[in-house]
Amino acid sequence: MRHSILALVALFASAPLAGAQNLHVNDGSGDPPKLWIAINVWGLEGLPSGQTEWSLEEKLRRLSQAGGFDVVDRHTVADPSSESAVAEIAGLAKKHGFRVGMATSIDRLEQLDVAISLARKAGTPYVDVMTGPYTMPEAEAIRLIRAISDRFRAEKIALALQTHRGLVTQDLLRTVEYAK
């Protein structure tokens, strides 16, 4: 037990030396870090079970009444045709007292401008990004992740690069290398 605690202390003490300063997780405000409890609306699909599904507005109304969440987010395809979905979630989130978040997939550099534009329209301080199929060549994955990170930093939008099966961030070793 003592060795485990010592190992954790050593790990946390050396964390600033790990060189992950290229990852952008700051919203650009200068405010202290925030903890928001978020729910993605896909987790509300099919409610109520066995009955006619509630509208998105009804789901958010009930979620607001139940309490416990600060943010609702929705996966948004990085395509201009997603503007109406962004407007819908942003409007309903505000109406029911939630902040709005965004998740998206960026597999090509061409999707980056659209993703940033949609994030701006949603008014989200962060975007949860899933990127690159696992089979993407390493050099291409690194270029894409660096471009995403640099652009989000420049736009002052916090970036959450999601580890997810089937993506370049699928395994721990590969993901740690990207963070360097």
C-alpha atoms as a PDB file:
ATOM      1  CA  MET A   1       0.000   0.000   0.000  1.00  0.00           C
ATOM      2  CA  ARG A   2       2.794   2.425   0.947  1.00  0.00           C
ATOM      3  CA  HIS A   3       4.566   1.737  -2.357  1.00  0.00           C
ATOM      4  CA  SER A   4       1.326   2.327  -4.297  1.00  0.00           C
ATOM      5  CA  ILE A   5       0.824   5.707  -2.639  1.00  0.00           C
ATOM      6  CA  LEU A   6       4.455   6.615  -3.267  1.00  0.00           C
ATOM      7  CA  ALA A   7       4.066   5.635  -6.931  1.00  0.00           C
ATOM      8  CA  LEU A   8       0.971   7.837  -7.259  1.00  0.00           C
ATOM      9  CA  VAL A   9       2.761  10.774  -5.618  1.00  0.00           C
ATOM     10  CA  ALA A  10       5.707  10.312  -8.006  1.00  0.00           C
ATOM     11  CA  LEU A  11       3.342  10.075 -10.967  1.00  0.00           C
ATOM     12  CA  PHE A  12       1.461  13.245 -10.043  1.00  0.00           C
ATOM     13  CA  ALA A  13       4.646  15.122  -9.192  1.00  0.00           C
ATOM     14  CA  SER A  14       6.147  14.282 -12.580  1.00  0.00           C
ATOM     15  CA  ALA A  15       2.967  14.997 -14.552  1.00  0.00           C
ATOM     16  CA  PRO A  16       3.970  18.601 -15.377  1.00  0.00           C
ATOM     17  CA  LEU A  17       7.180  17.241 -16.892  1.00  0.00           C
ATOM     18  CA  ALA A  18       5.317  14.920 -19.261  1.00  0.00           C
ATOM     19  CA  GLY A  19       5.250  17.550 -22.007  1.00  0.00           C
ATOM     20  CA  ALA A  20       1.531  17.530 -22.800  1.00  0.00           C
ATOM     21  CA  GLN A  21       1.394  21.310 -23.103  1.00  0.00           C
ATOM     22  CA  ASN A  22       0.359  20.968 -26.727  1.00  0.00           C
ATOM     23  CA  LEU A  23      -3.078  19.682 -25.678  1.00  0.00           C
ATOM     24  CA  HIS A  24      -5.636  22.456 -25.277  1.00  0.00           C
ATOM     25  CA  VAL A  25      -8.141  22.052 -22.459  1.00  0.00           C
ATOM     26  CA  ASN A  26      -8.635  25.683 -21.504  1.00  0.00           C
ATOM     27  CA  ASP A  27     -11.657  27.736 -22.480  1.00  0.00           C
ATOM     28  CA  GLY A  28      -9.501  30.861 -22.812  1.00  0.00           C
ATOM     29  CA  SER A  29     -11.355  32.746 -20.066  1.00  0.00           C
ATOM     30  CA  GLY A  30      -8.638  32.831 -17.402  1.00  0.00           C
ATOM     31  CA  ASP A  31     -11.298  31.625 -14.949  1.00  0.00           C
ATOM     32  CA  PRO A  32     -10.527  28.784 -12.549  1.00  0.00           C
ATOM     33  CA  PRO A  33     -11.246  25.269 -13.839  1.00  0.00           C
ATOM     34  CA  LYS A  34     -14.893  24.256 -13.838  1.00  0.00           C
ATOM     35  CA  LEU A  35     -16.658  20.984 -13.204  1.00  0.00           C
ATOM     36  CA  TRP A  36     -19.866  20.622 -15.162  1.00  0.00           C
ATOM     37  CA  ILE A  37     -21.961  17.483 -15.186  1.00  0.00           C
ATOM     38  CA  ALA A  38     -22.967  16.843 -18.801  1.00  0.00           C
ATOM     39  CA  ILE A  39     -25.296  14.452 -20.557  1.00  0.00           C
ATOM     40  CA  ASN A  40     -25.249  13.727 -24.258  1.00  0.00           C
ATOM     41  CA  VAL A  41     -28.763  13.593 -25.687  1.00  0.00           C
ATOM     42  CA  TRP A  42     -28.109  10.169 -27.230  1.00  0.00           C
ATOM     43  CA  GLY A  43     -28.413   8.913 -23.642  1.00  0.00           C
ATOM     44  CA  LEU A  44     -32.016  10.110 -23.696  1.00  0.00           C
ATOM     45  CA  GLU A  45     -32.988   8.304 -26.887  1.00  0.00           C
ATOM     46  CA  GLY A  46     -36.017   6.036 -26.701  1.00  0.00           C
ATOM     47  CA  LEU A  47     -37.516   7.669 -23.597  1.00  0.00           C
ATOM     48  CA  PRO A  48     -39.910   6.739 -22.241  1.00  0.00           C
ATOM     49  CA  SER A  49     -39.323   3.054 -22.833  1.00  0.00           C
ATOM     50  CA  GLY A  50     -42.180   1.245 -24.550  1.00  0.00           C
ATOM     51  CA  GLN A  51     -44.133   4.425 -25.323  1.00  0.00           C
ATOM     52  CA  THR A  52     -44.082   7.178 -27.917  1.00  0.00           C
ATOM     53  CA  GLU A  53     -40.688   8.857 -27.631  1.00  0.00           C
ATOM     54  CA  TRP A  54     -40.701  12.296 -26.036  1.00  0.00           C
ATOM     55  CA  SER A  55     -39.593  15.286 -28.082  1.00  0.00           C
ATOM     56  CA  LEU A  56     -36.174  16.753 -27.345  1.00  0.00           C
ATOM     57  CA  GLU A  57     -37.878  19.648 -25.602  1.00  0.00           C
ATOM     58  CA  GLU A  58     -39.834  17.304 -23.333  1.00  0.00           C
ATOM     59  CA  LYS A  59     -36.664  15.379 -22.496  1.00  0.00           C
ATOM     60  CA  LEU A  60     -34.811  18.558 -21.535  1.00  0.00           C
ATOM     61  CA  ARG A  61     -37.784  19.869 -19.554  1.00  0.00           C
ATOM     62  CA  ARG A  62     -37.907  16.668 -17.522  1.00  0.00           C
ATOM     63  CA  LEU A  63     -34.134  16.604 -17.142  1.00  0.00           C
ATOM     64  CA  SER A  64     -34.216  20.177 -15.839  1.00  0.00           C
ATOM     65  CA  GLN A  65     -36.927  19.280 -13.324  1.00  0.00           C
ATOM     66  CA  ALA A  66     -34.988  16.233 -12.140  1.00  0.00           C
ATOM     67  CA  GLY A  67     -31.784  18.238 -11.657  1.00  0.00           C
ATOM     68  CA  GLY A  68     -28.211  17.044 -11.500  1.00  0.00           C
ATOM     69  CA  PHE A  69     -26.941  18.171 -14.905  1.00  0.00           C
ATOM     70  CA  ASP A  70     -25.340  21.440 -15.971  1.00  0.00           C
ATOM     71  CA  VAL A  71     -24.756  20.771 -19.667  1.00  0.00           C
ATOM     72  CA  VAL A  72     -26.500  18.967 -22.499  1.00  0.00           C
ATOM     73  CA  ASP A  73     -24.538  18.105 -25.562  1.00  0.00           C
ATOM     74  CA  ARG A  74     -25.207  16.430 -28.840  1.00  0.00           C
ATOM     75  CA  HIS A  75     -23.017  14.756 -31.409  1.00  0.00           C
ATOM     76  CA  THR A  76     -23.032  17.088 -34.379  1.00  0.00           C
ATOM     77  CA  VAL A  77     -21.756  16.073 -37.791  1.00  0.00           C
ATOM     78  CA  ALA A  78     -19.090  18.539 -38.957  1.00  0.00           C
ATOM     79  CA  ASP A  79     -21.135  19.537 -41.973  1.00  0.00           C
ATOM     80  CA  PRO A  80     -23.006  22.792 -42.765  1.00  0.00           C
ATOM     81  CA  SER A  81     -26.280  20.813 -42.859  1.00  0.00           C
ATOM     82  CA  SER A  82     -25.991  20.455 -39.051  1.00  0.00           C
ATOM     83  CA  GLU A  83     -26.758  24.137 -38.403  1.00  0.00           C
ATOM     84  CA  SER A  84     -30.438  23.486 -37.638  1.00  0.00           C
ATOM     85  CA  ALA A  85     -29.577  20.743 -35.116  1.00  0.00           C
ATOM     86  CA  VAL A  86     -27.097  23.114 -33.440  1.00  0.00           C
ATOM     87  CA  ALA A  87     -29.690  25.898 -33.275  1.00  0.00           C
ATOM     88  CA  GLU A  88     -32.253  23.473 -31.830  1.00  0.00           C
ATOM     89  CA  ILE A  89     -30.047  22.163 -29.016  1.00  0.00           C
ATOM     90  CA  ALA A  90     -28.654  25.630 -28.201  1.00  0.00           C
ATOM     91  CA  GLY A  91     -32.141  27.155 -27.983  1.00  0.00           C
ATOM     92  CA  LEU A  92     -33.643  24.341 -25.919  1.00  0.00           C
ATOM     93  CA  ALA A  93     -30.632  24.153 -23.613  1.00  0.00           C
ATOM     94  CA  LYS A  94     -30.907  27.855 -22.855  1.00  0.00           C
ATOM     95  CA  LYS A  95     -34.683  27.655 -22.391  1.00  0.00           C
ATOM     96  CA  HIS A  96     -34.321  24.899 -19.793  1.00  0.00           C
ATOM     97  CA  GLY A  97     -31.348  26.374 -17.953  1.00  0.00           C
ATOM     98  CA  PHE A  98     -28.523  24.273 -19.353  1.00  0.00           C
ATOM     99  CA  ARG A  99     -25.216  25.170 -20.898  1.00  0.00           C
ATOM    100  CA  VAL A 100     -24.691  23.613 -24.288  1.00  0.00           C
ATOM    101  CA  GLY A 101     -21.852  21.327 -25.265  1.00  0.00           C
ATOM    102  CA  MET A 102     -20.860  19.736 -28.531  1.00  0.00           C
ATOM    103  CA  ALA A 103     -19.345  16.489 -29.687  1.00  0.00           C
ATOM    104  CA  THR A 104     -18.212  15.880 -33.243  1.00  0.00           C
ATOM    105  CA  SER A 105     -16.005  13.747 -35.440  1.00  0.00           C
ATOM    106  CA  ILE A 106     -13.120  15.265 -37.375  1.00  0.00           C
ATOM    107  CA  ASP A 107     -11.419  12.790 -39.691  1.00  0.00           C
ATOM    108  CA  ARG A 108     -10.185  15.257 -42.309  1.00  0.00           C
ATOM    109  CA  LEU A 109      -8.757  18.768 -42.113  1.00  0.00           C
ATOM    110  CA  GLU A 110     -11.622  20.015 -44.300  1.00  0.00           C
ATOM    111  CA  GLN A 111     -14.030  19.340 -41.417  1.00  0.00           C
ATOM    112  CA  LEU A 112     -12.160  21.602 -38.990  1.00  0.00           C
ATOM    113  CA  ASP A 113     -13.532  24.978 -40.187  1.00  0.00           C
ATOM    114  CA  VAL A 114     -17.088  23.635 -40.158  1.00  0.00           C
ATOM    115  CA  ALA A 115     -16.683  22.165 -36.657  1.00  0.00           C
ATOM    116  CA  ILE A 116     -15.360  25.493 -35.322  1.00  0.00           C
ATOM    117  CA  SER A 117     -18.198  27.404 -36.993  1.00  0.00           C
ATOM    118  CA  LEU A 118     -20.816  25.075 -35.501  1.00  0.00           C
ATOM    119  CA  ALA A 119     -19.213  25.330 -32.045  1.00  0.00           C
ATOM    120  CA  ARG A 120     -19.360  29.122 -32.286  1.00  0.00           C
ATOM    121  CA  LYS A 121     -23.028  29.004 -33.313  1.00  0.00           C
ATOM    122  CA  ALA A 122     -23.831  26.653 -30.427  1.00  0.00           C
ATOM    123  CA  GLY A 123     -22.010  28.911 -27.986  1.00  0.00           C
ATOM    124  CA  THR A 124     -20.194  25.969 -26.449  1.00  0.00           C
ATOM    125  CA  PRO A 125     -16.982  26.475 -24.485  1.00  0.00           C
ATOM    126  CA  TYR A 126     -15.781  22.957 -25.383  1.00  0.00           C
ATOM    127  CA  VAL A 127     -15.961  20.361 -28.114  1.00  0.00           C
ATOM    128  CA  ASP A 128     -15.530  16.640 -27.534  1.00  0.00           C
ATOM    129  CA  VAL A 129     -13.747  15.447 -30.690  1.00  0.00           C
ATOM    130  CA  MET A 130     -13.526  11.902 -31.987  1.00  0.00           C
ATOM    131  CA  THR A 131     -10.910  11.681 -34.693  1.00  0.00           C
ATOM    132  CA  GLY A 132      -9.340   9.446 -37.273  1.00  0.00           C
ATOM    133  CA  PRO A 133     -10.122   5.811 -37.950  1.00  0.00           C
ATOM    134  CA  TYR A 134      -7.729   3.425 -36.218  1.00  0.00           C
ATOM    135  CA  THR A 135      -6.234   2.498 -39.599  1.00  0.00           C
ATOM    136  CA  MET A 136      -5.129   6.082 -40.291  1.00  0.00           C
ATOM    137  CA  PRO A 137      -1.347   6.208 -40.876  1.00  0.00           C
ATOM    138  CA  GLU A 138       0.573   7.510 -37.863  1.00  0.00           C
ATOM    139  CA  ALA A 139       2.043  10.611 -39.536  1.00  0.00           C
ATOM    140  CA  GLU A 140      -1.392  11.614 -40.836  1.00  0.00           C
ATOM    141  CA  ALA A 141      -2.983  11.087 -37.395  1.00  0.00           C
ATOM    142  CA  ILE A 142      -0.342  13.264 -35.750  1.00  0.00           C
ATOM    143  CA  ARG A 143      -0.825  16.046 -38.342  1.00  0.00           C
ATOM    144  CA  LEU A 144      -4.598  15.927 -37.881  1.00  0.00           C
ATOM    145  CA  ILE A 145      -4.498  15.946 -34.068  1.00  0.00           C
ATOM    146  CA  ARG A 146      -1.936  18.767 -34.014  1.00  0.00           C
ATOM    147  CA  ALA A 147      -4.038  20.841 -36.424  1.00  0.00           C
ATOM    148  CA  ILE A 148      -7.180  20.250 -34.349  1.00  0.00           C
ATOM    149  CA  SER A 149      -5.403  21.143 -31.094  1.00  0.00           C
ATOM    150  CA  ASP A 150      -3.744  24.263 -32.536  1.00  0.00           C
ATOM    151  CA  ARG A 151      -6.972  25.525 -34.091  1.00  0.00           C
ATOM    152  CA  PHE A 152      -9.079  24.997 -30.977  1.00  0.00           C
ATOM    153  CA  ARG A 153      -6.431  26.775 -28.882  1.00  0.00           C
ATOM    154  CA  ALA A 154      -6.428  29.706 -31.316  1.00  0.00           C
ATOM    155  CA  GLU A 155     -10.232  29.865 -31.190  1.00  0.00           C
ATOM    156  CA  LYS A 156     -10.220  29.634 -27.351  1.00  0.00           C
ATOM    157  CA  ILE A 157     -12.494  26.604 -27.374  1.00  0.00           C
ATOM    158  CA  ALA A 158     -11.527  23.829 -24.981  1.00  0.00           C
ATOM    159  CA  LEU A 159     -10.799  20.541 -26.728  1.00  0.00           C
ATOM    160  CA  ALA A 160     -11.596  17.113 -25.338  1.00  0.00           C
ATOM    161  CA  LEU A 161      -9.968  14.540 -27.605  1.00  0.00           C
ATOM    162  CA  GLN A 162     -11.978  11.421 -26.963  1.00  0.00           C
ATOM    163  CA  THR A 163     -10.442   8.000 -26.576  1.00  0.00           C
ATOM    164  CA  HIS A 164     -12.817   5.685 -28.380  1.00  0.00           C
ATOM    165  CA  ARG A 165     -12.799   2.278 -29.985  1.00  0.00           C
ATOM    166  CA  GLY A 166     -12.113   2.290 -33.695  1.00  0.00           C
ATOM    167  CA  LEU A 167     -10.299   5.645 -33.591  1.00  0.00           C
ATOM    168  CA  VAL A 168      -6.624   6.587 -33.596  1.00  0.00           C
ATOM    169  CA  THR A 169      -6.967   7.154 -29.838  1.00  0.00           C
ATOM    170  CA  GLN A 170      -8.267   3.614 -29.288  1.00  0.00           C
ATOM    171  CA  ASP A 171      -5.303   2.313 -27.313  1.00  0.00           C
ATOM    172  CA  LEU A 172      -3.427   3.813 -24.418  1.00  0.00           C
ATOM    173  CA  LEU A 173       0.093   3.568 -25.861  1.00  0.00           C
ATOM    174  CA  ARG A 174      -0.827   5.319 -29.089  1.00  0.00           C
ATOM    175  CA  THR A 175      -2.776   8.018 -27.243  1.00  0.00           C
ATOM    176  CA  VAL A 176       0.080   8.718 -24.809  1.00  0.00           C
ATOM    177  CA  GLU A 177       2.415   9.234 -27.765  1.00  0.00           C
ATOM    178  CA  TYR A 178       0.008  11.798 -29.242  1.00  0.00           C
ATOM    179  CA  ALA A 179       0.044  13.747 -25.984  1.00  0.00           C
ATOM    180  CA  LYS A 180       3.813  14.259 -26.122  1.00  0.00           C
END
